[in-house]
Amino acid sequence: MFETIIGLEVHAQLNTNSKLWCSCATSFGEEPNTNVCPTCLGLPGALPVLNKEAVHKAIQLGTAIDAVINKKSIFNRKNYFYPDLPTGYQISQFEVPVVGLGKVEIDFEDGTSKIIGVTRAHLENDAGKSSHAGDHSRVDLNRAGTPLLEIVSEPDMRSAEEALLYLKKLHSIVRYIGISDANMEEGSFRADVNVSIRPKGDDKLYTRCEIKNMNSFKFIEKAIKYEVQRQTEAWEDGVYEREVVQETRLFDVNTGETRSMRGKEDAADYRYFPDPDLLPLIITDEMIEKYSDIPELPDAKKERFVKEYGVKAYDAGVICSTKEMADYFEAMLAVGISGKMATTWLTVELQGRFGEGQSVTNSPVSATKLGELVKAIEDGTISGKAGKEVLDYLMENDVSVEAVIEKLGLKQVSDDGALLAMIDEILSNNEDKVAEYKGGKEKMFAFFVGQTMKASKGSANPQKVSELLKERLA
């Protein structure tokens, strides 16, 4: 039996207006090679100037993961050649990063949790982007120089499930504190996944393979599972040392396999040395105090939802997994409804109707409107069943909840007089069944409720019907 060892290096692109070392814009989707200047092109004589906003965002991340903020850190040149790296080196941090040891807590569905250690988080600039078609390759340097925060975990994860929980929690944190849009499709949040195995009970770390530039939770899970299987089979077949070498691998989404890309470099291969153009980064106590004032984090919000709104811990975790859903939930509650009903109608009814690409951020039904729908159910205006019809209509039409209820004729009858008239007629026409009920056959009560609902064509308030029937049959 083998144990899986996983460590992750996450690159979060910081949402600053300009690049890390110059004033060029960081906007996505511009014409190739338009957001460039002598500095990000690495032209002779151009000097880097540190973007202070990137430093502020690093402090925020450090605070959010309960990490050490190093008051003095160093920028280094990480030397390697790649066509989309104009300078021939990346300015990064090596010996002393801006953010030191921290932690992220992950939660399992059974209610247990685990702490994943964070080794460091350091600032560095991104490279450009290469594209290949036939015999031609093109380089777009718009992305060269954009600010990244590389968040490096300890090798504390033991399964693909734990790796995904860690990544999703980290993704949630950076979005909650607003330091990155973390758009995975655009590459604003991507991970290098380091995987190795060892016999259970062994505490040695064996050869790790790095799966590079993963920007999909689904594919990260598949890549880890494939790589664990590949390494396990190599060990069992006696070819581990030959087949599993320290290297960078790519994940092929078409075949579901990882394949070798290049040998994995060690730190010495990058010839790190302090960047002579940049002074050490000094962070003052005043800066830490100012930028450690961060918004409510997912775990704190989850705890508050459980205490204030009576939401189950698991449901609260689902709702707080993204800031957008948590905000949507609280906007629903502002209408004046219960946390339990809001949870059901958000996580089950609304999300169950979402199609491909839909979420609360582009939902055709606003939080206020869904809250009003739930309120109509809670105050007895419509039944829960009718509420589903209303929601179906709202998913296709931009109208008010009240208008839909009127249009579809779903308003419940709660008037005592009208309901009593129906009840009295039903009891009068079924005297034999009334006698059975009074003789101890309590199951007949459901018959009377059903007959009343049928007589009202489903418009009677079931709770009110039960109350009035009990009075009449007493």
Protein backbone atom coordinates (compact mmCIF):
# COMPACT_ATOMS: atom_id res chain seq x y z
CA MET A 1 0.00 0.00 0.00
CA PHE A 2 1.19 3.47 -0.87
CA GLU A 3 0.65 6.96 0.50
CA THR A 4 0.25 9.95 -1.82
CA ILE A 5 2.22 13.15 -1.13
CA ILE A 6 0.99 16.36 -2.78
CA GLY A 7 2.33 19.90 -2.62
CA LEU A 8 0.95 22.81 -4.62
CA GLU A 9 2.43 26.00 -6.02
CA VAL A 10 -0.42 28.39 -6.79
CA HIS A 11 0.04 31.48 -8.93
CA ALA A 12 -2.56 34.17 -8.24
CA GLN A 13 -2.43 37.15 -10.57
CA LEU A 14 -2.94 40.29 -8.51
CA ASN A 15 -5.61 42.68 -9.76
CA THR A 16 -3.48 45.81 -9.84
CA ASN A 17 -4.07 48.36 -12.60
CA SER A 18 -0.46 48.21 -13.74
CA LYS A 19 2.32 45.64 -13.97
CA LEU A 20 4.75 44.77 -11.20
CA TRP A 21 7.75 46.76 -12.47
CA CYS A 22 6.24 49.36 -14.82
CA SER A 23 3.09 51.37 -15.53
CA CYS A 24 1.79 49.20 -18.41
CA ALA A 25 -1.82 48.04 -18.05
CA THR A 26 -2.67 44.49 -16.98
CA SER A 27 -6.01 44.26 -18.83
CA PHE A 28 -6.88 40.90 -20.40
CA GLY A 29 -7.82 40.38 -24.06
CA GLU A 30 -6.03 43.37 -25.64
CA GLU A 31 -4.37 43.20 -29.05
CA PRO A 32 -1.07 41.30 -28.76
CA ASN A 33 2.00 43.30 -27.76
CA THR A 34 0.14 46.57 -27.12
CA ASN A 35 0.54 46.81 -23.32
CA VAL A 36 4.35 46.83 -23.37
CA CYS A 37 7.19 49.25 -22.66
CA PRO A 38 11.02 49.16 -22.49
CA THR A 39 10.91 47.83 -18.90
CA CYS A 40 8.63 44.83 -19.47
CA LEU A 41 10.36 44.17 -22.80
CA GLY A 42 13.71 43.97 -20.96
CA LEU A 43 15.39 46.60 -23.12
CA PRO A 44 18.86 47.83 -22.06
CA GLY A 45 18.81 50.77 -19.64
CA ALA A 46 15.19 50.28 -18.50
CA LEU A 47 14.89 49.91 -14.72
CA PRO A 48 12.14 48.21 -12.70
CA VAL A 49 10.12 50.15 -10.11
CA LEU A 50 8.10 48.08 -7.61
CA ASN A 51 4.30 48.42 -7.71
CA LYS A 52 3.44 49.22 -4.06
CA GLU A 53 -0.17 48.03 -4.50
CA ALA A 54 1.12 44.51 -5.13
CA VAL A 55 2.91 44.67 -1.77
CA HIS A 56 -0.29 45.76 -0.03
CA LYS A 57 -2.15 42.79 -1.52
CA ALA A 58 0.61 40.42 -0.38
CA ILE A 59 0.14 41.70 3.18
CA GLN A 60 -3.58 41.05 2.90
CA LEU A 61 -2.98 37.46 1.78
CA GLY A 62 -0.50 36.91 4.60
CA THR A 63 -3.05 38.16 7.12
CA ALA A 64 -5.80 35.94 5.67
CA ILE A 65 -3.73 32.75 6.02
CA ASP A 66 -2.37 33.67 9.47
CA ALA A 67 1.16 33.90 8.10
CA VAL A 68 4.36 35.67 9.07
CA ILE A 69 4.84 38.98 7.25
CA ASN A 70 8.56 39.53 6.74
CA LYS A 71 9.40 43.16 7.35
CA LYS A 72 12.45 42.84 5.10
CA SER A 73 12.46 40.70 1.97
CA ILE A 74 14.72 40.45 -1.06
CA PHE A 75 14.08 40.38 -4.80
CA ASN A 76 16.19 37.94 -6.79
CA ARG A 77 16.86 37.23 -10.42
CA LYS A 78 15.79 33.71 -11.39
CA ASN A 79 17.76 33.01 -14.58
CA TYR A 80 16.39 30.84 -17.35
CA PHE A 81 15.73 31.19 -21.06
CA TYR A 82 12.29 30.99 -22.56
CA PRO A 83 11.04 32.85 -25.66
CA ASP A 84 8.29 34.70 -23.77
CA LEU A 85 10.61 35.93 -21.01
CA PRO A 86 12.17 39.04 -22.60
CA THR A 87 14.80 39.73 -19.93
CA GLY A 88 16.15 36.17 -19.81
CA TYR A 89 15.41 36.16 -16.08
CA GLN A 90 12.38 36.48 -13.83
CA ILE A 91 12.41 38.85 -10.86
CA SER A 92 11.19 36.76 -7.95
CA GLN A 93 11.96 36.17 -4.27
CA PHE A 94 14.06 33.27 -3.07
CA GLU A 95 15.80 33.36 0.33
CA VAL A 96 13.41 35.79 2.03
CA PRO A 97 9.82 36.07 0.67
CA VAL A 98 7.36 38.78 1.65
CA VAL A 99 5.05 36.19 3.30
CA GLY A 100 6.43 33.39 5.46
CA LEU A 101 4.87 30.38 7.18
CA GLY A 102 1.06 30.29 7.21
CA LYS A 103 -1.83 27.83 7.10
CA VAL A 104 -5.12 27.03 5.39
CA GLU A 105 -7.82 24.91 7.02
CA ILE A 106 -9.81 22.57 4.81
CA ASP A 107 -13.18 21.08 5.75
CA PHE A 108 -14.47 17.62 4.87
CA GLU A 109 -18.10 16.69 4.26
CA ASP A 110 -18.20 14.58 7.44
CA GLY A 111 -17.52 17.67 9.57
CA THR A 112 -13.81 17.02 10.20
CA SER A 113 -11.04 19.40 9.14
CA LYS A 114 -7.31 19.48 8.47
CA ILE A 115 -4.62 22.17 8.50
CA ILE A 116 -2.50 22.50 5.35
CA GLY A 117 0.73 24.36 5.92
CA VAL A 118 1.79 27.21 3.64
CA THR A 119 5.56 27.47 3.28
CA ARG A 120 5.66 30.94 1.72
CA ALA A 121 4.07 33.40 -0.66
CA HIS A 122 6.33 35.55 -2.76
CA LEU A 123 5.97 38.27 -5.37
CA GLU A 124 7.19 37.76 -8.91
CA ASN A 125 6.37 38.86 -12.44
CA ASP A 126 4.65 36.68 -15.02
CA ALA A 127 6.12 35.80 -18.40
CA GLY A 128 4.45 36.40 -21.76
CA LYS A 129 2.40 33.89 -23.71
CA SER A 130 3.53 31.71 -26.61
CA SER A 131 1.19 30.20 -29.17
CA HIS A 132 2.08 27.64 -31.81
CA ALA A 133 0.37 26.94 -35.14
CA GLY A 134 1.96 24.71 -37.77
CA ASP A 135 5.52 25.85 -38.43
CA HIS A 136 5.02 29.24 -36.77
CA SER A 137 5.22 30.39 -33.16
CA ARG A 138 4.03 33.74 -31.87
CA VAL A 139 4.82 35.53 -28.64
CA ASP A 140 2.42 37.98 -26.96
CA LEU A 141 4.20 40.01 -24.27
CA ASN A 142 1.14 41.80 -22.89
CA ARG A 143 1.21 39.46 -19.89
CA ALA A 144 4.97 39.83 -19.32
CA GLY A 145 5.49 41.71 -16.06
CA THR A 146 2.01 41.24 -14.59
CA PRO A 147 2.21 40.77 -10.81
CA LEU A 148 1.90 37.27 -9.38
CA LEU A 149 1.75 36.04 -5.82
CA GLU A 150 3.11 32.49 -5.77
CA ILE A 151 1.66 30.60 -2.80
CA VAL A 152 3.66 27.47 -1.98
CA SER A 153 2.15 24.78 0.26
CA GLU A 154 3.84 22.21 2.44
CA PRO A 155 3.57 18.62 1.07
CA ASP A 156 0.67 18.02 3.47
CA MET A 157 -2.04 16.75 1.12
CA ARG A 158 -2.63 13.03 0.84
CA SER A 159 -5.25 12.74 -1.89
CA ALA A 160 -6.77 14.50 -4.88
CA GLU A 161 -9.74 15.34 -2.65
CA GLU A 162 -7.54 17.19 -0.14
CA ALA A 163 -5.73 19.02 -2.94
CA LEU A 164 -9.03 20.22 -4.42
CA LEU A 165 -10.36 21.31 -1.02
CA TYR A 166 -7.16 23.30 -0.43
CA LEU A 167 -7.26 24.90 -3.86
CA LYS A 168 -10.93 25.82 -3.57
CA LYS A 169 -10.42 27.31 -0.10
CA LEU A 170 -7.43 29.34 -1.32
CA HIS A 171 -9.37 30.42 -4.42
CA SER A 172 -12.21 31.54 -2.17
CA ILE A 173 -9.86 33.46 0.16
CA VAL A 174 -8.17 35.51 -2.58
CA ARG A 175 -11.57 36.44 -3.99
CA TYR A 176 -13.02 37.31 -0.57
CA ILE A 177 -10.17 39.70 0.22
CA GLY A 178 -10.31 41.08 -3.32
CA ILE A 179 -6.65 40.73 -4.32
CA SER A 180 -7.34 38.75 -7.51
CA ASP A 181 -10.28 37.95 -9.77
CA ALA A 182 -8.86 34.37 -9.71
CA ASN A 183 -10.38 33.72 -13.13
CA MET A 184 -9.06 30.26 -13.93
CA GLU A 185 -10.07 30.36 -17.60
CA GLU A 186 -7.93 33.48 -18.09
CA GLY A 187 -5.04 31.99 -16.10
CA SER A 188 -5.38 34.38 -13.17
CA PHE A 189 -5.36 31.43 -10.77
CA ARG A 190 -3.35 28.38 -11.75
CA ALA A 191 -1.39 25.69 -10.01
CA ASP A 192 1.72 23.57 -10.42
CA VAL A 193 0.94 20.20 -8.83
CA ASN A 194 3.78 18.21 -7.26
CA VAL A 195 3.01 14.51 -6.77
CA SER A 196 4.99 11.64 -5.28
CA ILE A 197 4.21 8.37 -3.52
CA ARG A 198 5.80 6.30 -0.77
CA PRO A 199 5.07 3.03 1.04
CA LYS A 200 2.68 3.56 3.95
CA GLY A 201 4.57 4.01 7.19
CA ASP A 202 7.66 5.39 5.42
CA ASP A 203 8.53 9.00 6.27
CA LYS A 204 10.94 9.53 3.37
CA LEU A 205 10.04 11.84 0.48
CA TYR A 206 10.65 10.18 -2.86
CA THR A 207 10.93 11.61 -6.38
CA ARG A 208 8.24 14.16 -7.17
CA CYS A 209 6.88 15.07 -10.56
CA GLU A 210 5.50 18.52 -11.23
CA ILE A 211 2.39 18.88 -13.40
CA LYS A 212 2.62 22.39 -14.78
CA ASN A 213 0.12 25.23 -15.24
CA MET A 214 -3.18 23.60 -14.29
CA ASN A 215 -6.17 25.96 -14.36
CA SER A 216 -9.15 23.64 -13.90
CA PHE A 217 -10.27 21.91 -10.70
CA LYS A 218 -11.65 19.01 -12.73
CA PHE A 219 -8.44 18.44 -14.67
CA ILE A 220 -6.27 18.85 -11.56
CA GLU A 221 -8.18 16.01 -9.93
CA LYS A 222 -7.80 13.81 -13.02
CA ALA A 223 -4.09 14.65 -13.37
CA ILE A 224 -3.35 13.73 -9.74
CA LYS A 225 -5.21 10.43 -9.97
CA TYR A 226 -3.44 9.50 -13.21
CA GLU A 227 -0.01 10.44 -11.87
CA VAL A 228 -0.54 8.46 -8.64
CA GLN A 229 -1.57 5.42 -10.68
CA ARG A 230 1.44 5.83 -13.04
CA GLN A 231 3.93 6.02 -10.18
CA THR A 232 2.29 3.18 -8.25
CA GLU A 233 2.40 0.84 -11.27
CA ALA A 234 6.05 1.77 -11.90
CA TRP A 235 6.91 0.90 -8.29
CA GLU A 236 5.03 -2.41 -8.38
CA ASP A 237 6.62 -3.31 -11.74
CA GLY A 238 10.12 -2.63 -10.40
CA VAL A 239 10.85 0.24 -12.80
CA TYR A 240 10.22 3.15 -10.42
CA GLU A 241 13.74 4.62 -10.53
CA ARG A 242 13.77 4.51 -14.32
CA GLU A 243 10.21 5.67 -15.00
CA VAL A 244 9.72 8.22 -12.20
CA VAL A 245 12.29 11.01 -12.47
CA GLN A 246 12.26 14.60 -11.27
CA GLU A 247 10.64 16.35 -14.20
CA THR A 248 7.97 18.76 -15.35
CA ARG A 249 4.97 17.09 -16.94
CA LEU A 250 1.93 18.35 -18.82
CA PHE A 251 -1.64 17.03 -18.56
CA ASP A 252 -3.28 16.08 -21.85
CA VAL A 253 -6.99 16.87 -21.46
CA ASN A 254 -7.85 14.72 -24.48
CA THR A 255 -6.22 11.51 -23.27
CA GLY A 256 -6.46 12.15 -19.53
CA GLU A 257 -2.73 11.38 -19.19
CA THR A 258 0.33 13.28 -18.02
CA ARG A 259 3.38 13.30 -20.27
CA SER A 260 6.96 14.45 -19.91
CA MET A 261 7.72 18.05 -20.83
CA ARG A 262 11.28 18.65 -19.59
CA GLY A 263 13.63 17.81 -16.74
CA LYS A 264 12.84 19.62 -13.51
CA GLU A 265 15.45 22.17 -12.48
CA ASP A 266 16.81 22.57 -8.95
CA ALA A 267 17.25 25.99 -7.34
CA ALA A 268 20.97 25.99 -8.23
CA ASP A 269 20.13 25.70 -11.93
CA TYR A 270 18.37 29.07 -11.81
CA ARG A 271 21.49 30.84 -10.45
CA TYR A 272 19.49 33.02 -8.07
CA PHE A 273 21.19 36.23 -6.95
CA PRO A 274 19.84 39.52 -5.49
CA ASP A 275 18.55 41.84 -8.21
CA PRO A 276 21.03 44.74 -8.36
CA ASP A 277 18.34 47.15 -9.61
CA LEU A 278 16.01 46.70 -6.63
CA LEU A 279 16.50 47.62 -2.98
CA PRO A 280 15.25 45.24 -0.25
CA LEU A 281 11.49 45.51 0.36
CA ILE A 282 10.86 47.10 3.76
CA ILE A 283 7.41 46.71 5.31
CA THR A 284 6.63 48.94 8.28
CA ASP A 285 4.36 48.27 11.25
CA GLU A 286 2.07 51.01 9.93
CA MET A 287 1.72 49.20 6.60
CA ILE A 288 0.93 45.90 8.32
CA GLU A 289 -1.68 47.56 10.53
CA LYS A 290 -3.33 49.32 7.57
CA TYR A 291 -3.43 46.47 5.09
CA SER A 292 -4.18 43.65 7.53
CA ASP A 293 -7.70 45.10 7.86
CA ILE A 294 -9.33 42.56 5.57
CA PRO A 295 -12.98 41.61 4.88
CA GLU A 296 -14.75 38.75 6.64
CA LEU A 297 -13.23 35.45 5.47
CA PRO A 298 -15.14 32.30 4.41
CA ASP A 299 -14.63 30.42 7.70
CA ALA A 300 -15.73 33.39 9.82
CA LYS A 301 -18.75 33.97 7.58
CA LYS A 302 -19.67 30.29 7.77
CA GLU A 303 -19.54 30.36 11.57
CA ARG A 304 -21.69 33.50 11.65
CA PHE A 305 -24.31 31.99 9.31
CA VAL A 306 -24.60 28.96 11.60
CA LYS A 307 -25.03 31.10 14.71
CA GLU A 308 -27.16 33.96 13.33
CA TYR A 309 -29.33 32.19 10.78
CA GLY A 310 -29.50 28.62 12.07
CA VAL A 311 -27.96 27.20 8.89
CA LYS A 312 -26.41 23.73 9.11
CA ALA A 313 -22.60 23.78 9.10
CA TYR A 314 -22.32 21.85 5.82
CA ASP A 315 -24.88 24.09 4.07
CA ALA A 316 -23.13 27.19 5.41
CA GLY A 317 -19.86 25.89 3.96
CA VAL A 318 -21.46 25.45 0.54
CA ILE A 319 -22.98 28.94 0.64
CA CYS A 320 -19.75 30.57 1.80
CA SER A 321 -17.58 28.74 -0.75
CA THR A 322 -17.80 31.83 -2.95
CA LYS A 323 -18.22 35.44 -1.94
CA GLU A 324 -20.87 35.91 -4.63
CA MET A 325 -23.09 33.16 -3.23
CA ALA A 326 -22.67 34.37 0.35
CA ASP A 327 -23.63 37.91 -0.71
CA TYR A 328 -26.63 36.56 -2.64
CA PHE A 329 -27.75 34.61 0.44
CA GLU A 330 -27.57 37.64 2.73
CA ALA A 331 -29.44 39.76 0.19
CA MET A 332 -32.22 37.15 0.26
CA LEU A 333 -32.35 37.29 4.07
CA ALA A 334 -32.66 41.08 3.96
CA VAL A 335 -36.22 40.55 2.65
CA GLY A 336 -37.11 39.00 6.03
CA ILE A 337 -37.12 35.23 5.59
CA SER A 338 -35.70 32.30 7.55
CA GLY A 339 -32.20 30.98 6.98
CA LYS A 340 -33.46 27.43 6.52
CA MET A 341 -35.86 28.31 3.69
CA ALA A 342 -33.34 30.65 2.07
CA THR A 343 -30.78 27.83 2.05
CA THR A 344 -33.13 25.36 0.39
CA TRP A 345 -34.33 27.74 -2.29
CA LEU A 346 -30.82 28.96 -3.10
CA THR A 347 -28.81 25.73 -3.04
CA VAL A 348 -31.46 23.29 -4.24
CA GLU A 349 -34.20 25.05 -6.19
CA LEU A 350 -32.35 27.95 -7.86
CA GLN A 351 -29.03 26.21 -8.50
CA GLY A 352 -30.88 23.11 -9.67
CA ARG A 353 -32.31 25.21 -12.51
CA PHE A 354 -29.02 26.69 -13.66
CA GLY A 355 -27.79 25.69 -17.09
CA GLU A 356 -24.24 25.54 -18.42
CA GLY A 357 -22.30 28.66 -17.42
CA GLN A 358 -24.97 30.00 -15.09
CA SER A 359 -24.33 30.95 -11.47
CA VAL A 360 -25.59 33.48 -8.94
CA THR A 361 -23.43 36.12 -10.64
CA ASN A 362 -25.53 35.98 -13.82
CA SER A 363 -28.72 34.46 -12.44
CA PRO A 364 -31.91 35.62 -14.21
CA VAL A 365 -33.53 35.74 -10.75
CA SER A 366 -32.08 38.36 -8.40
CA ALA A 367 -31.49 37.68 -4.71
CA THR A 368 -34.22 40.11 -3.73
CA LYS A 369 -36.71 38.49 -6.08
CA LEU A 370 -35.94 34.98 -4.82
CA GLY A 371 -36.24 36.29 -1.25
CA GLU A 372 -39.66 37.72 -2.07
CA LEU A 373 -40.71 34.36 -3.50
CA VAL A 374 -39.64 32.55 -0.32
CA LYS A 375 -41.44 35.18 1.77
CA ALA A 376 -44.65 34.52 -0.18
CA ILE A 377 -44.34 30.84 0.76
CA GLU A 378 -43.56 31.53 4.40
CA ASP A 379 -46.46 33.93 4.89
CA GLY A 380 -48.89 31.50 3.22
CA THR A 381 -49.57 33.53 0.08
CA ILE A 382 -48.59 30.53 -2.06
CA SER A 383 -47.69 26.90 -1.37
CA GLY A 384 -44.21 25.44 -1.74
CA LYS A 385 -45.35 23.54 -4.81
CA ALA A 386 -46.70 26.75 -6.36
CA GLY A 387 -43.40 28.44 -5.49
CA LYS A 388 -41.60 26.06 -7.83
CA GLU A 389 -43.95 27.06 -10.65
CA VAL A 390 -43.27 30.72 -9.91
CA LEU A 391 -39.50 30.15 -9.98
CA ASP A 392 -39.74 28.28 -13.29
CA TYR A 393 -41.58 31.28 -14.75
CA LEU A 394 -39.09 33.77 -13.29
CA MET A 395 -36.15 31.89 -14.86
CA GLU A 396 -37.60 32.77 -18.27
CA ASN A 397 -39.35 36.11 -17.62
CA ASP A 398 -38.25 39.36 -15.99
CA VAL A 399 -41.39 40.18 -13.97
CA SER A 400 -42.26 40.62 -10.31
CA VAL A 401 -43.10 37.73 -8.00
CA GLU A 402 -46.52 39.21 -7.29
CA ALA A 403 -47.29 39.50 -11.02
CA VAL A 404 -46.41 35.84 -11.61
CA ILE A 405 -48.59 34.67 -8.71
CA GLU A 406 -51.54 36.63 -10.12
CA LYS A 407 -50.92 35.56 -13.71
CA LEU A 408 -50.73 31.86 -12.85
CA GLY A 409 -53.56 32.03 -10.32
CA LEU A 410 -51.49 30.48 -7.56
CA LYS A 411 -52.54 32.61 -4.62
CA GLN A 412 -53.67 30.45 -1.68
CA VAL A 413 -57.11 30.82 -0.14
CA SER A 414 -56.65 31.54 3.57
CA ASP A 415 -60.00 33.22 4.22
CA ASP A 416 -61.76 31.35 7.06
CA GLY A 417 -65.21 31.93 5.64
CA ALA A 418 -64.46 30.57 2.19
CA LEU A 419 -62.58 27.55 3.54
CA LEU A 420 -65.24 26.74 6.14
CA ALA A 421 -67.91 26.71 3.43
CA MET A 422 -65.94 24.07 1.52
CA ILE A 423 -65.18 22.07 4.67
CA ASP A 424 -68.80 22.07 5.85
CA GLU A 425 -70.02 20.82 2.48
CA ILE A 426 -67.41 18.02 2.43
CA LEU A 427 -68.24 16.91 5.97
CA SER A 428 -71.96 17.01 5.18
CA ASN A 429 -71.48 14.81 2.10
CA ASN A 430 -69.32 12.30 3.98
CA GLU A 431 -71.13 11.73 7.30
CA ASP A 432 -70.12 8.04 7.33
CA LYS A 433 -66.44 8.98 7.15
CA VAL A 434 -66.89 11.65 9.84
CA ALA A 435 -68.32 8.90 12.07
CA GLU A 436 -65.32 6.67 11.32
CA TYR A 437 -62.93 9.48 12.23
CA LYS A 438 -64.73 10.19 15.49
CA GLY A 439 -64.75 6.47 16.16
CA GLY A 440 -60.95 6.48 16.26
CA LYS A 441 -59.95 6.08 12.61
CA GLU A 442 -57.59 9.08 12.59
CA LYS A 443 -56.32 8.29 9.08
CA MET A 444 -59.58 9.71 7.74
CA PHE A 445 -58.28 13.20 8.57
CA ALA A 446 -55.98 13.08 5.55
CA PHE A 447 -59.02 12.24 3.41
CA PHE A 448 -60.81 15.43 4.51
CA VAL A 449 -57.71 17.55 3.87
CA GLY A 450 -57.36 16.03 0.40
CA GLN A 451 -61.02 16.62 -0.45
CA THR A 452 -60.77 20.25 0.65
CA MET A 453 -57.62 20.83 -1.43
CA LYS A 454 -59.38 19.20 -4.39
CA ALA A 455 -62.45 21.38 -3.94
CA SER A 456 -60.25 24.50 -3.87
CA LYS A 457 -58.32 23.29 -6.95
CA GLY A 458 -55.14 23.39 -4.89
CA SER A 459 -55.51 27.01 -3.88
CA ALA A 460 -56.39 26.41 -0.21
CA ASN A 461 -53.74 26.99 2.42
CA PRO A 462 -53.05 23.43 3.73
CA GLN A 463 -52.08 24.61 7.20
CA LYS A 464 -55.25 26.68 7.49
CA VAL A 465 -57.33 23.77 6.19
CA SER A 466 -55.91 21.48 8.89
CA GLU A 467 -56.60 24.02 11.63
CA LEU A 468 -60.23 24.55 10.56
CA LEU A 469 -60.89 20.82 10.06
CA LYS A 470 -59.67 20.09 13.58
CA GLU A 471 -62.07 22.72 14.92
CA ARG A 472 -65.01 21.31 12.96
CA LEU A 473 -64.26 17.69 13.84
CA ALA A 474 -63.62 18.34 17.54
